[in-house]
Amino acid sequence: MCKVGNKKIYFLRNLFIETLTTDDLDVDSERCGVKGSPTKVHKVESVVLAGGNHEKIEPTKDGIAKLVDSLIEDRIF
């Protein structure tokens, strides 16, 4: 089982996704994100999953790391 938050494990499994900042990309931060973003959302759909066991994932870095570890463990990722 992967240790939560262990970047090395994700990297070794070719699952690590590098995060870039506006400084890394040398772009104007005023034109990125919600404020000034040229991205427009055409449609948002709600998806309701039926059946099966449900597990609540806390909206924290630790919660997301546990979710990713669970997906890797179940070979979904």
C-alpha atoms as a PDB file:
ATOM      1  CA  MET A   1       0.000   0.000   0.000  1.00  0.00           C
ATOM      2  CA  CYS A   2       1.266   3.496  -0.821  1.00  0.00           C
ATOM      3  CA  LYS A   3       2.128   5.881   1.934  1.00  0.00           C
ATOM      4  CA  VAL A   4      -0.229   8.868   1.689  1.00  0.00           C
ATOM      5  CA  GLY A   5       1.418  11.829  -0.005  1.00  0.00           C
ATOM      6  CA  ASN A   6       4.513   9.930  -1.078  1.00  0.00           C
ATOM      7  CA  LYS A   7       5.484  11.600  -4.385  1.00  0.00           C
ATOM      8  CA  LYS A   8       8.265   9.080  -4.988  1.00  0.00           C
ATOM      9  CA  ILE A   9       5.798   6.161  -5.175  1.00  0.00           C
ATOM     10  CA  TYR A  10       3.633   8.052  -7.685  1.00  0.00           C
ATOM     11  CA  PHE A  11       6.723   8.978  -9.706  1.00  0.00           C
ATOM     12  CA  LEU A  12       8.017   5.392  -9.776  1.00  0.00           C
ATOM     13  CA  ARG A  13       4.601   4.182 -11.008  1.00  0.00           C
ATOM     14  CA  ASN A  14       4.528   6.902 -13.694  1.00  0.00           C
ATOM     15  CA  LEU A  15       1.500   8.443 -11.952  1.00  0.00           C
ATOM     16  CA  PHE A  16       3.088  11.670 -10.732  1.00  0.00           C
ATOM     17  CA  ILE A  17       1.588  14.771 -12.309  1.00  0.00           C
ATOM     18  CA  GLU A  18       3.914  17.743 -12.149  1.00  0.00           C
ATOM     19  CA  THR A  19       2.276  20.985 -11.041  1.00  0.00           C
ATOM     20  CA  LEU A  20       3.315  24.204 -12.727  1.00  0.00           C
ATOM     21  CA  THR A  21       2.721  27.722 -11.448  1.00  0.00           C
ATOM     22  CA  THR A  22       2.313  30.950 -13.377  1.00  0.00           C
ATOM     23  CA  ASP A  23       5.938  31.737 -12.466  1.00  0.00           C
ATOM     24  CA  ASP A  24       7.089  28.411 -13.979  1.00  0.00           C
ATOM     25  CA  LEU A  25       5.237  29.237 -17.191  1.00  0.00           C
ATOM     26  CA  ASP A  26       6.241  32.906 -17.237  1.00  0.00           C
ATOM     27  CA  VAL A  27       2.644  34.092 -17.745  1.00  0.00           C
ATOM     28  CA  ASP A  28       0.658  37.013 -16.345  1.00  0.00           C
ATOM     29  CA  SER A  29      -1.134  35.725 -13.217  1.00  0.00           C
ATOM     30  CA  GLU A  30      -3.855  38.375 -13.714  1.00  0.00           C
ATOM     31  CA  ARG A  31      -4.950  36.495 -16.833  1.00  0.00           C
ATOM     32  CA  CYS A  32      -5.094  33.073 -15.167  1.00  0.00           C
ATOM     33  CA  GLY A  33      -7.663  31.435 -12.957  1.00  0.00           C
ATOM     34  CA  VAL A  34     -11.124  32.763 -12.213  1.00  0.00           C
ATOM     35  CA  LYS A  35     -10.218  36.428 -12.520  1.00  0.00           C
ATOM     36  CA  GLY A  36      -9.447  37.267 -16.150  1.00  0.00           C
ATOM     37  CA  SER A  37      -9.646  33.681 -17.351  1.00  0.00           C
ATOM     38  CA  PRO A  38     -10.593  33.332 -21.024  1.00  0.00           C
ATOM     39  CA  THR A  39     -12.082  29.893 -20.272  1.00  0.00           C
ATOM     40  CA  LYS A  40     -15.866  29.691 -20.529  1.00  0.00           C
ATOM     41  CA  VAL A  41     -17.966  26.827 -19.207  1.00  0.00           C
ATOM     42  CA  HIS A  42     -20.569  25.725 -21.738  1.00  0.00           C
ATOM     43  CA  LYS A  43     -22.477  23.239 -19.594  1.00  0.00           C
ATOM     44  CA  VAL A  44     -22.232  21.651 -16.150  1.00  0.00           C
ATOM     45  CA  GLU A  45     -23.831  18.294 -15.460  1.00  0.00           C
ATOM     46  CA  SER A  46     -24.454  16.657 -12.107  1.00  0.00           C
ATOM     47  CA  VAL A  47     -23.688  12.960 -11.948  1.00  0.00           C
ATOM     48  CA  VAL A  48     -25.435  10.755  -9.415  1.00  0.00           C
ATOM     49  CA  LEU A  49     -23.846   7.381  -8.736  1.00  0.00           C
ATOM     50  CA  ALA A  50     -26.311   4.687  -7.784  1.00  0.00           C
ATOM     51  CA  GLY A  51     -25.704   1.618  -5.658  1.00  0.00           C
ATOM     52  CA  GLY A  52     -22.562   0.330  -4.029  1.00  0.00           C
ATOM     53  CA  ASN A  53     -20.746   1.479  -0.948  1.00  0.00           C
ATOM     54  CA  HIS A  54     -20.124   5.167  -0.515  1.00  0.00           C
ATOM     55  CA  GLU A  55     -17.133   6.658   1.218  1.00  0.00           C
ATOM     56  CA  LYS A  56     -16.910  10.284   2.243  1.00  0.00           C
ATOM     57  CA  ILE A  57     -13.657  11.972   1.214  1.00  0.00           C
ATOM     58  CA  GLU A  58     -12.704  15.072   3.147  1.00  0.00           C
ATOM     59  CA  PRO A  59     -11.877  18.094   0.931  1.00  0.00           C
ATOM     60  CA  THR A  60      -8.318  18.369   2.223  1.00  0.00           C
ATOM     61  CA  LYS A  61      -4.904  17.491   0.827  1.00  0.00           C
ATOM     62  CA  ASP A  62      -4.825  14.444   3.104  1.00  0.00           C
ATOM     63  CA  GLY A  63      -8.288  13.345   1.935  1.00  0.00           C
ATOM     64  CA  ILE A  64      -7.344  13.694  -1.732  1.00  0.00           C
ATOM     65  CA  ALA A  65      -4.083  11.803  -1.154  1.00  0.00           C
ATOM     66  CA  LYS A  66      -6.033   8.949   0.480  1.00  0.00           C
ATOM     67  CA  LEU A  67      -8.438   8.925  -2.487  1.00  0.00           C
ATOM     68  CA  VAL A  68      -5.574   8.698  -4.984  1.00  0.00           C
ATOM     69  CA  ASP A  69      -3.946   5.917  -2.957  1.00  0.00           C
ATOM     70  CA  SER A  70      -7.264   4.039  -2.923  1.00  0.00           C
ATOM     71  CA  LEU A  71      -7.652   4.421  -6.707  1.00  0.00           C
ATOM     72  CA  ILE A  72      -4.102   3.141  -7.237  1.00  0.00           C
ATOM     73  CA  GLU A  73      -4.712   0.237  -4.873  1.00  0.00           C
ATOM     74  CA  ASP A  74      -7.910  -0.709  -6.769  1.00  0.00           C
ATOM     75  CA  ARG A  75      -6.002  -0.393 -10.077  1.00  0.00           C
ATOM     76  CA  ILE A  76      -8.383   2.303 -11.291  1.00  0.00           C
ATOM     77  CA  PHE A  77      -5.487   4.711 -11.684  1.00  0.00           C
END
